[in-house]
């Protein structure tokens, strides 16, 4: 055997050793499967339904900030009376009334806004 062939085989052996010792990234978008006959099949992973938690939390924070700003601007008594006025309305307005009712978070935001002004 020639020296170049031995060098080539040594490089191939190092590559195989590296492939077996490295960990595969499980969050990648591919699926690696080894067939019984020795072939390695690489397929695209199934798309998964991801929930955008950051976006949901940002929307909730914006809703509480808006409610707090409205409560600070109008005053708690006027705000509660306006919410009470909408109760005997349509189903959609009743859902809006339930959503806009005073809660501890928006009340705290309203107090913080009042202390700033």
PDB file of N, CA and C in Angstrom:
ATOM      1  N   UNK A   1       0.842  -1.180   0.000  1.00  0.00           N
ATOM      2  CA  UNK A   1       0.000   0.000   0.000  1.00  0.00           C
ATOM      3  C   UNK A   1       0.885   1.240   0.000  1.00  0.00           C
ATOM      4  N   UNK A   2       0.402   2.237  -0.674  1.00  0.00           N
ATOM      5  CA  UNK A   2       1.174   3.471  -0.710  1.00  0.00           C
ATOM      6  C   UNK A   2       0.878   4.310   0.523  1.00  0.00           C
ATOM      7  N   UNK A   3       1.770   5.258   0.783  1.00  0.00           N
ATOM      8  CA  UNK A   3       1.598   6.128   1.950  1.00  0.00           C
ATOM      9  C   UNK A   3       0.369   7.022   1.816  1.00  0.00           C
ATOM     10  N   UNK A   4       0.068   7.464   0.605  1.00  0.00           N
ATOM     11  CA  UNK A   4      -1.097   8.329   0.420  1.00  0.00           C
ATOM     12  C   UNK A   4      -2.393   7.572   0.737  1.00  0.00           C
ATOM     13  N   UNK A   5      -2.441   6.278   0.387  1.00  0.00           N
ATOM     14  CA  UNK A   5      -3.636   5.497   0.699  1.00  0.00           C
ATOM     15  C   UNK A   5      -3.799   5.331   2.203  1.00  0.00           C
ATOM     16  N   UNK A   6      -2.681   5.102   2.930  1.00  0.00           N
ATOM     17  CA  UNK A   6      -2.740   4.980   4.390  1.00  0.00           C
ATOM     18  C   UNK A   6      -3.183   6.295   5.018  1.00  0.00           C
ATOM     19  N   UNK A   7      -2.676   7.415   4.490  1.00  0.00           N
ATOM     20  CA  UNK A   7      -3.098   8.722   5.000  1.00  0.00           C
ATOM     21  C   UNK A   7      -4.593   8.950   4.764  1.00  0.00           C
ATOM     22  N   UNK A   8      -5.055   8.556   3.581  1.00  0.00           N
ATOM     23  CA  UNK A   8      -6.468   8.697   3.268  1.00  0.00           C
ATOM     24  C   UNK A   8      -7.326   7.871   4.220  1.00  0.00           C
ATOM     25  N   UNK A   9      -6.938   6.632   4.459  1.00  0.00           N
ATOM     26  CA  UNK A   9      -7.694   5.780   5.366  1.00  0.00           C
ATOM     27  C   UNK A   9      -7.682   6.330   6.793  1.00  0.00           C
ATOM     28  N   UNK A  10      -6.576   6.914   7.210  1.00  0.00           N
ATOM     29  CA  UNK A  10      -6.499   7.513   8.547  1.00  0.00           C
ATOM     30  C   UNK A  10      -7.448   8.713   8.650  1.00  0.00           C
ATOM     31  N   UNK A  11      -7.515   9.533   7.600  1.00  0.00           N
ATOM     32  CA  UNK A  11      -8.429  10.682   7.606  1.00  0.00           C
ATOM     33  C   UNK A  11      -9.882  10.214   7.643  1.00  0.00           C
ATOM     34  N   UNK A  12     -10.194   9.187   6.865  1.00  0.00           N
ATOM     35  CA  UNK A  12     -11.555   8.657   6.855  1.00  0.00           C
ATOM     36  C   UNK A  12     -11.917   8.108   8.231  1.00  0.00           C
ATOM     37  N   UNK A  13     -10.994   7.414   8.878  1.00  0.00           N
ATOM     38  CA  UNK A  13     -11.250   6.877  10.218  1.00  0.00           C
ATOM     39  C   UNK A  13     -11.491   8.003  11.213  1.00  0.00           C
ATOM     40  N   UNK A  14     -10.740   9.102  11.109  1.00  0.00           N
ATOM     41  CA  UNK A  14     -10.951  10.255  12.004  1.00  0.00           C
ATOM     42  C   UNK A  14     -12.330  10.872  11.774  1.00  0.00           C
ATOM     43  N   UNK A  15     -12.745  10.952  10.516  1.00  0.00           N
ATOM     44  CA  UNK A  15     -14.066  11.518  10.221  1.00  0.00           C
ATOM     45  C   UNK A  15     -15.161  10.653  10.819  1.00  0.00           C
ATOM     46  N   UNK A  16     -15.026   9.331  10.657  1.00  0.00           N
ATOM     47  CA  UNK A  16     -16.035   8.443  11.246  1.00  0.00           C
ATOM     48  C   UNK A  16     -16.053   8.550  12.772  1.00  0.00           C
ATOM     49  N   UNK A  17     -14.896   8.675  13.386  1.00  0.00           N
ATOM     50  CA  UNK A  17     -14.841   8.834  14.850  1.00  0.00           C
ATOM     51  C   UNK A  17     -15.503  10.134  15.282  1.00  0.00           C
ATOM     52  N   UNK A  18     -15.235  11.207  14.559  1.00  0.00           N
ATOM     53  CA  UNK A  18     -15.864  12.489  14.898  1.00  0.00           C
ATOM     54  C   UNK A  18     -17.377  12.421  14.748  1.00  0.00           C
ATOM     55  N   UNK A  19     -17.863  11.773  13.696  1.00  0.00           N
ATOM     56  CA  UNK A  19     -19.312  11.672  13.488  1.00  0.00           C
ATOM     57  C   UNK A  19     -19.988  10.880  14.590  1.00  0.00           C
ATOM     58  N   UNK A  20     -19.321   9.878  15.119  1.00  0.00           N
ATOM     59  CA  UNK A  20     -19.934   9.073  16.177  1.00  0.00           C
ATOM     60  C   UNK A  20     -19.862   9.753  17.534  1.00  0.00           C
ATOM     61  N   UNK A  21     -18.867  10.614  17.753  1.00  0.00           N
ATOM     62  CA  UNK A  21     -18.728  11.246  19.060  1.00  0.00           C
ATOM     63  C   UNK A  21     -19.499  12.558  19.158  1.00  0.00           C
ATOM     64  N   UNK A  22     -19.784  13.198  18.031  1.00  0.00           N
ATOM     65  CA  UNK A  22     -20.510  14.468  18.110  1.00  0.00           C
ATOM     66  C   UNK A  22     -21.985  14.206  18.350  1.00  0.00           C
ATOM     67  N   UNK A  23     -22.613  15.136  19.064  1.00  0.00           N
ATOM     68  CA  UNK A  23     -24.048  15.007  19.330  1.00  0.00           C
ATOM     69  C   UNK A  23     -24.823  15.730  18.245  1.00  0.00           C
ATOM     70  N   UNK A  24     -25.915  15.170  17.879  1.00  0.00           N
ATOM     71  CA  UNK A  24     -26.743  15.786  16.864  1.00  0.00           C
ATOM     72  C   UNK A  24     -27.684  16.801  17.519  1.00  0.00           C
ATOM     73  N   UNK A  25     -27.914  17.877  16.829  1.00  0.00           N
ATOM     74  CA  UNK A  25     -28.823  18.915  17.306  1.00  0.00           C
ATOM     75  C   UNK A  25     -30.254  18.424  17.096  1.00  0.00           C
ATOM     76  N   UNK A  26     -30.962  18.183  18.197  1.00  0.00           N
ATOM     77  CA  UNK A  26     -32.324  17.648  18.086  1.00  0.00           C
ATOM     78  C   UNK A  26     -33.340  18.710  17.692  1.00  0.00           C
ATOM     79  N   UNK A  27     -32.962  19.988  17.769  1.00  0.00           N
ATOM     80  CA  UNK A  27     -33.914  21.030  17.419  1.00  0.00           C
ATOM     81  C   UNK A  27     -33.860  21.379  15.934  1.00  0.00           C
ATOM     82  N   UNK A  28     -33.014  20.700  15.170  1.00  0.00           N
ATOM     83  CA  UNK A  28     -32.914  21.017  13.747  1.00  0.00           C
ATOM     84  C   UNK A  28     -34.171  20.541  13.022  1.00  0.00           C
ATOM     85  N   UNK A  29     -34.321  20.995  11.821  1.00  0.00           N
ATOM     86  CA  UNK A  29     -35.522  20.715  11.051  1.00  0.00           C
ATOM     87  C   UNK A  29     -35.351  19.501  10.148  1.00  0.00           C
ATOM     88  N   UNK A  30     -34.396  18.603  10.469  1.00  0.00           N
ATOM     89  CA  UNK A  30     -34.197  17.397   9.673  1.00  0.00           C
ATOM     90  C   UNK A  30     -34.306  16.173  10.563  1.00  0.00           C
ATOM     91  N   UNK A  31     -34.628  15.065   9.955  1.00  0.00           N
ATOM     92  CA  UNK A  31     -34.714  13.794  10.650  1.00  0.00           C
ATOM     93  C   UNK A  31     -33.699  12.845  10.014  1.00  0.00           C
ATOM     94  N   UNK A  32     -32.782  12.316  10.826  1.00  0.00           N
ATOM     95  CA  UNK A  32     -31.771  11.386  10.332  1.00  0.00           C
ATOM     96  C   UNK A  32     -32.169   9.990  10.778  1.00  0.00           C
ATOM     97  N   UNK A  33     -32.245   9.062   9.826  1.00  0.00           N
ATOM     98  CA  UNK A  33     -32.690   7.692  10.107  1.00  0.00           C
ATOM     99  C   UNK A  33     -31.732   6.720   9.443  1.00  0.00           C
ATOM    100  N   UNK A  34     -31.257   5.746  10.190  1.00  0.00           N
ATOM    101  CA  UNK A  34     -30.365   4.739   9.631  1.00  0.00           C
ATOM    102  C   UNK A  34     -31.185   3.496   9.280  1.00  0.00           C
ATOM    103  N   UNK A  35     -31.140   3.134   8.008  1.00  0.00           N
ATOM    104  CA  UNK A  35     -31.859   1.964   7.513  1.00  0.00           C
ATOM    105  C   UNK A  35     -31.155   0.684   7.969  1.00  0.00           C
ATOM    106  N   UNK A  36     -31.878  -0.454   8.024  1.00  0.00           N
ATOM    107  CA  UNK A  36     -31.248  -1.718   8.418  1.00  0.00           C
ATOM    108  C   UNK A  36     -30.126  -2.159   7.471  1.00  0.00           C
ATOM    109  N   UNK A  37     -30.191  -1.708   6.213  1.00  0.00           N
ATOM    110  CA  UNK A  37     -29.148  -2.105   5.276  1.00  0.00           C
ATOM    111  C   UNK A  37     -27.912  -1.204   5.348  1.00  0.00           C
ATOM    112  N   UNK A  38     -27.889  -0.233   6.261  1.00  0.00           N
ATOM    113  CA  UNK A  38     -26.722   0.602   6.469  1.00  0.00           C
ATOM    114  C   UNK A  38     -26.821   1.984   5.870  1.00  0.00           C
ATOM    115  N   UNK A  39     -27.824   2.249   5.041  1.00  0.00           N
ATOM    116  CA  UNK A  39     -27.960   3.567   4.448  1.00  0.00           C
ATOM    117  C   UNK A  39     -28.485   4.559   5.484  1.00  0.00           C
ATOM    118  N   UNK A  40     -28.022   5.784   5.353  1.00  0.00           N
ATOM    119  CA  UNK A  40     -28.499   6.860   6.215  1.00  0.00           C
ATOM    120  C   UNK A  40     -29.447   7.712   5.380  1.00  0.00           C
ATOM    121  N   UNK A  41     -30.677   7.864   5.844  1.00  0.00           N
ATOM    122  CA  UNK A  41     -31.693   8.627   5.124  1.00  0.00           C
ATOM    123  C   UNK A  41     -31.960   9.910   5.902  1.00  0.00           C
ATOM    124  N   UNK A  42     -31.863  11.032   5.200  1.00  0.00           N
ATOM    125  CA  UNK A  42     -32.116  12.337   5.814  1.00  0.00           C
ATOM    126  C   UNK A  42     -33.393  12.894   5.206  1.00  0.00           C
ATOM    127  N   UNK A  43     -34.355  13.169   6.064  1.00  0.00           N
ATOM    128  CA  UNK A  43     -35.642  13.716   5.625  1.00  0.00           C
ATOM    129  C   UNK A  43     -35.919  14.997   6.384  1.00  0.00           C
ATOM    130  N   UNK A  44     -36.763  15.816   5.797  1.00  0.00           N
ATOM    131  CA  UNK A  44     -37.211  17.004   6.510  1.00  0.00           C
ATOM    132  C   UNK A  44     -38.136  16.609   7.639  1.00  0.00           C
ATOM    133  N   UNK A  45     -37.987  17.252   8.774  1.00  0.00           N
ATOM    134  CA  UNK A  45     -38.841  16.929   9.912  1.00  0.00           C
ATOM    135  C   UNK A  45     -40.248  17.459   9.662  1.00  0.00           C
ATOM    136  N   UNK A  46     -41.207  16.837  10.295  1.00  0.00           N
ATOM    137  CA  UNK A  46     -42.581  17.312  10.170  1.00  0.00           C
ATOM    138  C   UNK A  46     -42.692  18.697  10.783  1.00  0.00           C
ATOM    139  N   UNK A  47     -43.407  19.583  10.142  1.00  0.00           N
ATOM    140  CA  UNK A  47     -43.579  20.905  10.746  1.00  0.00           C
ATOM    141  C   UNK A  47     -44.388  20.791  12.037  1.00  0.00           C
ATOM    142  N   UNK A  48     -43.931  21.455  13.043  1.00  0.00           N
ATOM    143  CA  UNK A  48     -44.635  21.396  14.317  1.00  0.00           C
ATOM    144  C   UNK A  48     -45.370  22.709  14.553  1.00  0.00           C
ATOM    145  N   UNK A  49     -46.451  22.624  15.291  1.00  0.00           N
ATOM    146  CA  UNK A  49     -47.234  23.806  15.620  1.00  0.00           C
ATOM    147  C   UNK A  49     -46.583  24.484  16.811  1.00  0.00           C
ATOM    148  N   UNK A  50     -45.953  25.597  16.564  1.00  0.00           N
ATOM    149  CA  UNK A  50     -45.293  26.323  17.644  1.00  0.00           C
ATOM    150  C   UNK A  50     -46.192  27.442  18.131  1.00  0.00           C
ATOM    151  N   UNK A  51     -46.208  27.622  19.432  1.00  0.00           N
ATOM    152  CA  UNK A  51     -47.020  28.671  20.036  1.00  0.00           C
ATOM    153  C   UNK A  51     -46.118  29.877  20.285  1.00  0.00           C
ATOM    154  N   UNK A  52     -46.477  31.044  19.764  1.00  0.00           N
ATOM    155  CA  UNK A  52     -45.634  32.228  19.946  1.00  0.00           C
ATOM    156  C   UNK A  52     -45.857  32.857  21.328  1.00  0.00           C
ATOM    157  N   UNK A  53     -45.229  32.260  22.341  1.00  0.00           N
ATOM    158  CA  UNK A  53     -45.442  32.715  23.713  1.00  0.00           C
ATOM    159  C   UNK A  53     -45.037  34.169  23.902  1.00  0.00           C
ATOM    160  N   UNK A  54     -43.950  34.595  23.296  1.00  0.00           N
ATOM    161  CA  UNK A  54     -43.505  35.983  23.457  1.00  0.00           C
ATOM    162  C   UNK A  54     -44.553  36.944  22.925  1.00  0.00           C
ATOM    163  N   UNK A  55     -45.099  36.649  21.766  1.00  0.00           N
ATOM    164  CA  UNK A  55     -46.120  37.521  21.191  1.00  0.00           C
ATOM    165  C   UNK A  55     -47.380  37.569  22.036  1.00  0.00           C
ATOM    166  N   UNK A  56     -47.781  36.429  22.559  1.00  0.00           N
ATOM    167  CA  UNK A  56     -48.970  36.388  23.416  1.00  0.00           C
ATOM    168  C   UNK A  56     -48.750  37.214  24.680  1.00  0.00           C
ATOM    169  N   UNK A  57     -47.577  37.074  25.288  1.00  0.00           N
ATOM    170  CA  UNK A  57     -47.291  37.854  26.497  1.00  0.00           C
ATOM    171  C   UNK A  57     -47.219  39.352  26.205  1.00  0.00           C
ATOM    172  N   UNK A  58     -46.681  39.714  25.045  1.00  0.00           N
ATOM    173  CA  UNK A  58     -46.618  41.136  24.684  1.00  0.00           C
ATOM    174  C   UNK A  58     -48.027  41.707  24.486  1.00  0.00           C
ATOM    175  N   UNK A  59     -48.919  40.945  23.866  1.00  0.00           N
ATOM    176  CA  UNK A  59     -50.298  41.414  23.664  1.00  0.00           C
ATOM    177  C   UNK A  59     -51.001  41.564  25.012  1.00  0.00           C
ATOM    178  N   UNK A  60     -50.817  40.590  25.909  1.00  0.00           N
ATOM    179  CA  UNK A  60     -51.431  40.695  27.241  1.00  0.00           C
ATOM    180  C   UNK A  60     -50.904  41.901  28.007  1.00  0.00           C
ATOM    181  N   UNK A  61     -49.608  42.135  27.942  1.00  0.00           N
ATOM    182  CA  UNK A  61     -49.044  43.304  28.619  1.00  0.00           C
ATOM    183  C   UNK A  61     -49.617  44.595  28.039  1.00  0.00           C
ATOM    184  N   UNK A  62     -49.771  44.650  26.714  1.00  0.00           N
ATOM    185  CA  UNK A  62     -50.334  45.848  26.086  1.00  0.00           C
ATOM    186  C   UNK A  62     -51.787  46.052  26.509  1.00  0.00           C
ATOM    187  N   UNK A  63     -52.556  44.972  26.618  1.00  0.00           N
ATOM    188  CA  UNK A  63     -53.956  45.086  27.037  1.00  0.00           C
ATOM    189  C   UNK A  63     -54.045  45.628  28.455  1.00  0.00           C
ATOM    190  N   UNK A  64     -53.229  45.093  29.371  1.00  0.00           N
ATOM    191  CA  UNK A  64     -53.264  45.581  30.750  1.00  0.00           C
ATOM    192  C   UNK A  64     -52.784  47.025  30.846  1.00  0.00           C
ATOM    193  N   UNK A  65     -51.790  47.392  30.036  1.00  0.00           N
ATOM    194  CA  UNK A  65     -51.322  48.785  30.044  1.00  0.00           C
ATOM    195  C   UNK A  65     -52.411  49.725  29.520  1.00  0.00           C
ATOM    196  N   UNK A  66     -53.099  49.313  28.467  1.00  0.00           N
ATOM    197  CA  UNK A  66     -54.169  50.139  27.908  1.00  0.00           C
ATOM    198  C   UNK A  66     -55.318  50.294  28.900  1.00  0.00           C
ATOM    199  N   UNK A  67     -55.715  49.175  29.526  1.00  0.00           N
ATOM    200  CA  UNK A  67     -56.783  49.258  30.520  1.00  0.00           C
ATOM    201  C   UNK A  67     -56.376  50.161  31.678  1.00  0.00           C
ATOM    202  N   UNK A  68     -55.133  50.037  32.115  1.00  0.00           N
ATOM    203  CA  UNK A  68     -54.658  50.886  33.203  1.00  0.00           C
ATOM    204  C   UNK A  68     -54.635  52.354  32.818  1.00  0.00           C
ATOM    205  N   UNK A  69     -54.228  52.648  31.574  1.00  0.00           N
ATOM    206  CA  UNK A  69     -54.202  54.036  31.122  1.00  0.00           C
ATOM    207  C   UNK A  69     -55.611  54.620  31.046  1.00  0.00           C
ATOM    208  N   UNK A  70     -56.559  53.827  30.560  1.00  0.00           N
ATOM    209  CA  UNK A  70     -57.948  54.303  30.486  1.00  0.00           C
ATOM    210  C   UNK A  70     -58.504  54.512  31.891  1.00  0.00           C
ATOM    211  N   UNK A  71     -58.213  53.585  32.792  1.00  0.00           N
ATOM    212  CA  UNK A  71     -58.692  53.730  34.171  1.00  0.00           C
ATOM    213  C   UNK A  71     -58.076  54.946  34.843  1.00  0.00           C
ATOM    214  N   UNK A  72     -56.806  55.221  34.582  1.00  0.00           N
ATOM    215  CA  UNK A  72     -56.156  56.390  35.180  1.00  0.00           C
ATOM    216  C   UNK A  72     -56.723  57.686  34.606  1.00  0.00           C
ATOM    217  N   UNK A  73     -57.045  57.683  33.319  1.00  0.00           N
ATOM    218  CA  UNK A  73     -57.549  58.893  32.669  1.00  0.00           C
ATOM    219  C   UNK A  73     -58.993  59.198  33.068  1.00  0.00           C
ATOM    220  N   UNK A  74     -59.846  58.177  33.093  1.00  0.00           N
ATOM    221  CA  UNK A  74     -61.261  58.394  33.372  1.00  0.00           C
ATOM    222  C   UNK A  74     -61.583  58.394  34.859  1.00  0.00           C
ATOM    223  N   UNK A  75     -60.802  57.724  35.641  1.00  0.00           N
ATOM    224  CA  UNK A  75     -61.113  57.580  37.051  1.00  0.00           C
ATOM    225  C   UNK A  75     -61.822  56.258  37.289  1.00  0.00           C
ATOM    226  N   UNK A  76     -61.609  55.677  38.442  1.00  0.00           N
ATOM    227  CA  UNK A  76     -62.137  54.337  38.732  1.00  0.00           C
ATOM    228  C   UNK A  76     -63.664  54.322  38.781  1.00  0.00           C
ATOM    229  N   UNK A  77     -64.280  55.353  39.395  1.00  0.00           N
ATOM    230  CA  UNK A  77     -65.744  55.361  39.517  1.00  0.00           C
ATOM    231  C   UNK A  77     -66.428  55.489  38.155  1.00  0.00           C
ATOM    232  N   UNK A  78     -65.955  56.423  37.340  1.00  0.00           N
ATOM    233  CA  UNK A  78     -66.540  56.602  36.011  1.00  0.00           C
ATOM    234  C   UNK A  78     -66.316  55.357  35.160  1.00  0.00           C
ATOM    235  N   UNK A  79     -65.143  54.770  35.269  1.00  0.00           N
ATOM    236  CA  UNK A  79     -64.827  53.557  34.503  1.00  0.00           C
ATOM    237  C   UNK A  79     -65.782  52.422  34.874  1.00  0.00           C
ATOM    238  N   UNK A  80     -66.010  52.226  36.193  1.00  0.00           N
ATOM    239  CA  UNK A  80     -66.915  51.158  36.629  1.00  0.00           C
ATOM    240  C   UNK A  80     -68.349  51.421  36.191  1.00  0.00           C
ATOM    241  N   UNK A  81     -68.781  52.685  36.212  1.00  0.00           N
ATOM    242  CA  UNK A  81     -70.148  52.987  35.792  1.00  0.00           C
ATOM    243  C   UNK A  81     -70.325  52.756  34.287  1.00  0.00           C
ATOM    244  N   UNK A  82     -69.315  53.076  33.492  1.00  0.00           N
ATOM    245  CA  UNK A  82     -69.399  52.835  32.055  1.00  0.00           C
ATOM    246  C   UNK A  82     -69.410  51.340  31.746  1.00  0.00           C
ATOM    247  N   UNK A  83     -68.619  50.581  32.477  1.00  0.00           N
ATOM    248  CA  UNK A  83     -68.617  49.135  32.296  1.00  0.00           C
ATOM    249  C   UNK A  83     -69.980  48.565  32.697  1.00  0.00           C
ATOM    250  N   UNK A  84     -70.559  49.068  33.787  1.00  0.00           N
ATOM    251  CA  UNK A  84     -71.875  48.616  34.232  1.00  0.00           C
ATOM    252  C   UNK A  84     -72.969  48.955  33.248  1.00  0.00           C
ATOM    253  N   UNK A  85     -72.810  50.056  32.517  1.00  0.00           N
ATOM    254  CA  UNK A  85     -73.816  50.472  31.548  1.00  0.00           C
ATOM    255  C   UNK A  85     -73.899  49.495  30.371  1.00  0.00           C
ATOM    256  N   UNK A  86     -72.801  48.800  30.074  1.00  0.00           N
ATOM    257  CA  UNK A  86     -72.773  47.894  28.933  1.00  0.00           C
ATOM    258  C   UNK A  86     -73.295  46.491  29.251  1.00  0.00           C
ATOM    259  N   UNK A  87     -73.574  46.178  30.488  1.00  0.00           N
ATOM    260  CA  UNK A  87     -73.963  44.810  30.860  1.00  0.00           C
ATOM    261  C   UNK A  87     -75.217  44.307  30.143  1.00  0.00           C
ATOM    262  N   UNK A  88     -76.313  45.053  30.081  1.00  0.00           N
ATOM    263  CA  UNK A  88     -77.512  44.491  29.419  1.00  0.00           C
ATOM    264  C   UNK A  88     -77.481  44.672  27.904  1.00  0.00           C
ATOM    265  N   UNK A  89     -76.369  44.375  27.272  1.00  0.00           N
ATOM    266  CA  UNK A  89     -76.213  44.580  25.832  1.00  0.00           C
ATOM    267  C   UNK A  89     -76.158  43.239  25.118  1.00  0.00           C
ATOM    268  N   UNK A  90     -75.679  43.288  23.890  1.00  0.00           N
ATOM    269  CA  UNK A  90     -75.543  42.065  23.099  1.00  0.00           C
ATOM    270  C   UNK A  90     -74.441  41.182  23.687  1.00  0.00           C
ATOM    271  N   UNK A  91     -74.361  39.974  23.173  1.00  0.00           N
ATOM    272  CA  UNK A  91     -73.373  39.007  23.680  1.00  0.00           C
ATOM    273  C   UNK A  91     -71.958  39.517  23.442  1.00  0.00           C
ATOM    274  N   UNK A  92     -71.716  40.125  22.294  1.00  0.00           N
ATOM    275  CA  UNK A  92     -70.386  40.636  21.987  1.00  0.00           C
ATOM    276  C   UNK A  92     -69.989  41.754  22.947  1.00  0.00           C
ATOM    277  N   UNK A  93     -70.906  42.641  23.253  1.00  0.00           N
ATOM    278  CA  UNK A  93     -70.611  43.714  24.210  1.00  0.00           C
ATOM    279  C   UNK A  93     -70.449  43.163  25.617  1.00  0.00           C
ATOM    280  N   UNK A  94     -71.180  42.108  25.968  1.00  0.00           N
ATOM    281  CA  UNK A  94     -70.995  41.492  27.278  1.00  0.00           C
ATOM    282  C   UNK A  94     -69.606  40.866  27.398  1.00  0.00           C
ATOM    283  N   UNK A  95     -69.105  40.292  26.308  1.00  0.00           N
ATOM    284  CA  UNK A  95     -67.736  39.751  26.328  1.00  0.00           C
ATOM    285  C   UNK A  95     -66.737  40.889  26.503  1.00  0.00           C
ATOM    286  N   UNK A  96     -66.973  42.007  25.819  1.00  0.00           N
ATOM    287  CA  UNK A  96     -66.112  43.182  25.989  1.00  0.00           C
ATOM    288  C   UNK A  96     -66.175  43.731  27.398  1.00  0.00           C
ATOM    289  N   UNK A  97     -67.360  43.716  27.996  1.00  0.00           N
ATOM    290  CA  UNK A  97     -67.518  44.168  29.379  1.00  0.00           C
ATOM    291  C   UNK A  97     -66.745  43.275  30.332  1.00  0.00           C
ATOM    292  N   UNK A  98     -66.831  41.980  30.119  1.00  0.00           N
ATOM    293  CA  UNK A  98     -66.103  41.038  30.976  1.00  0.00           C
ATOM    294  C   UNK A  98     -64.599  41.247  30.836  1.00  0.00           C
ATOM    295  N   UNK A  99     -64.152  41.510  29.612  1.00  0.00           N
ATOM    296  CA  UNK A  99     -62.723  41.718  29.374  1.00  0.00           C
ATOM    297  C   UNK A  99     -62.237  43.025  29.990  1.00  0.00           C
ATOM    298  N   UNK A 100     -63.042  44.059  29.918  1.00  0.00           N
ATOM    299  CA  UNK A 100     -62.601  45.382  30.375  1.00  0.00           C
ATOM    300  C   UNK A 100     -62.903  45.657  31.849  1.00  0.00           C
ATOM    301  N   UNK A 101     -63.418  44.693  32.574  1.00  0.00           N
ATOM    302  CA  UNK A 101     -63.688  44.939  33.995  1.00  0.00           C
ATOM    303  C   UNK A 101     -62.367  45.195  34.744  1.00  0.00           C
ATOM    304  N   UNK A 102     -62.429  45.963  35.809  1.00  0.00           N
ATOM    305  CA  UNK A 102     -61.206  46.257  36.569  1.00  0.00           C
ATOM    306  C   UNK A 102     -60.639  44.982  37.187  1.00  0.00           C
ATOM    307  N   UNK A 103     -59.347  44.820  37.072  1.00  0.00           N
ATOM    308  CA  UNK A 103     -58.669  43.681  37.673  1.00  0.00           C
ATOM    309  C   UNK A 103     -57.446  44.209  38.428  1.00  0.00           C
ATOM    310  N   UNK A 104     -56.835  43.404  39.257  1.00  0.00           N
ATOM    311  CA  UNK A 104     -55.715  43.895  40.069  1.00  0.00           C
ATOM    312  C   UNK A 104     -54.533  44.428  39.258  1.00  0.00           C
ATOM    313  N   UNK A 105     -54.248  43.820  38.134  1.00  0.00           N
ATOM    314  CA  UNK A 105     -53.086  44.263  37.353  1.00  0.00           C
ATOM    315  C   UNK A 105     -53.343  45.633  36.735  1.00  0.00           C
ATOM    316  N   UNK A 106     -54.492  45.798  36.081  1.00  0.00           N
ATOM    317  CA  UNK A 106     -54.775  47.092  35.462  1.00  0.00           C
ATOM    318  C   UNK A 106     -55.012  48.175  36.515  1.00  0.00           C
ATOM    319  N   UNK A 107     -55.541  47.815  37.670  1.00  0.00           N
ATOM    320  CA  UNK A 107     -55.689  48.800  38.750  1.00  0.00           C
ATOM    321  C   UNK A 107     -54.323  49.251  39.247  1.00  0.00           C
ATOM    322  N   UNK A 108     -53.372  48.319  39.353  1.00  0.00           N
ATOM    323  CA  UNK A 108     -52.014  48.677  39.775  1.00  0.00           C
ATOM    324  C   UNK A 108     -51.365  49.579  38.728  1.00  0.00           C
ATOM    325  N   UNK A 109     -51.556  49.272  37.455  1.00  0.00           N
ATOM    326  CA  UNK A 109     -50.997  50.100  36.386  1.00  0.00           C
ATOM    327  C   UNK A 109     -51.604  51.497  36.444  1.00  0.00           C
ATOM    328  N   UNK A 110     -52.912  51.589  36.705  1.00  0.00           N
ATOM    329  CA  UNK A 110     -53.563  52.899  36.797  1.00  0.00           C
ATOM    330  C   UNK A 110     -52.994  53.704  37.973  1.00  0.00           C
ATOM    331  N   UNK A 111     -52.760  53.043  39.107  1.00  0.00           N
ATOM    332  CA  UNK A 111     -52.162  53.759  40.242  1.00  0.00           C
ATOM    333  C   UNK A 111     -50.757  54.240  39.915  1.00  0.00           C
ATOM    334  N   UNK A 112     -49.991  53.423  39.212  1.00  0.00           N
ATOM    335  CA  UNK A 112     -48.635  53.828  38.844  1.00  0.00           C
ATOM    336  C   UNK A 112     -48.652  55.013  37.875  1.00  0.00           C
ATOM    337  N   UNK A 113     -49.591  55.020  36.945  1.00  0.00           N
ATOM    338  CA  UNK A 113     -49.699  56.124  36.005  1.00  0.00           C
ATOM    339  C   UNK A 113     -50.126  57.399  36.717  1.00  0.00           C
ATOM    340  N   UNK A 114     -51.038  57.281  37.687  1.00  0.00           N
ATOM    341  CA  UNK A 114     -51.488  58.466  38.436  1.00  0.00           C
ATOM    342  C   UNK A 114     -50.364  59.066  39.260  1.00  0.00           C
ATOM    343  N   UNK A 115     -49.472  58.213  39.790  1.00  0.00           N
ATOM    344  CA  UNK A 115     -48.362  58.755  40.574  1.00  0.00           C
ATOM    345  C   UNK A 115     -47.362  59.491  39.691  1.00  0.00           C
ATOM    346  N   UNK A 116     -47.291  59.151  38.402  1.00  0.00           N
ATOM    347  CA  UNK A 116     -46.378  59.838  37.497  1.00  0.00           C
ATOM    348  C   UNK A 116     -46.882  61.217  37.106  1.00  0.00           C
ATOM    349  N   UNK A 117     -48.191  61.398  37.081  1.00  0.00           N
ATOM    350  CA  UNK A 117     -48.727  62.698  36.634  1.00  0.00           C
ATOM    351  C   UNK A 117     -49.104  63.595  37.765  1.00  0.00           C
TER     352      UNK A 117
END
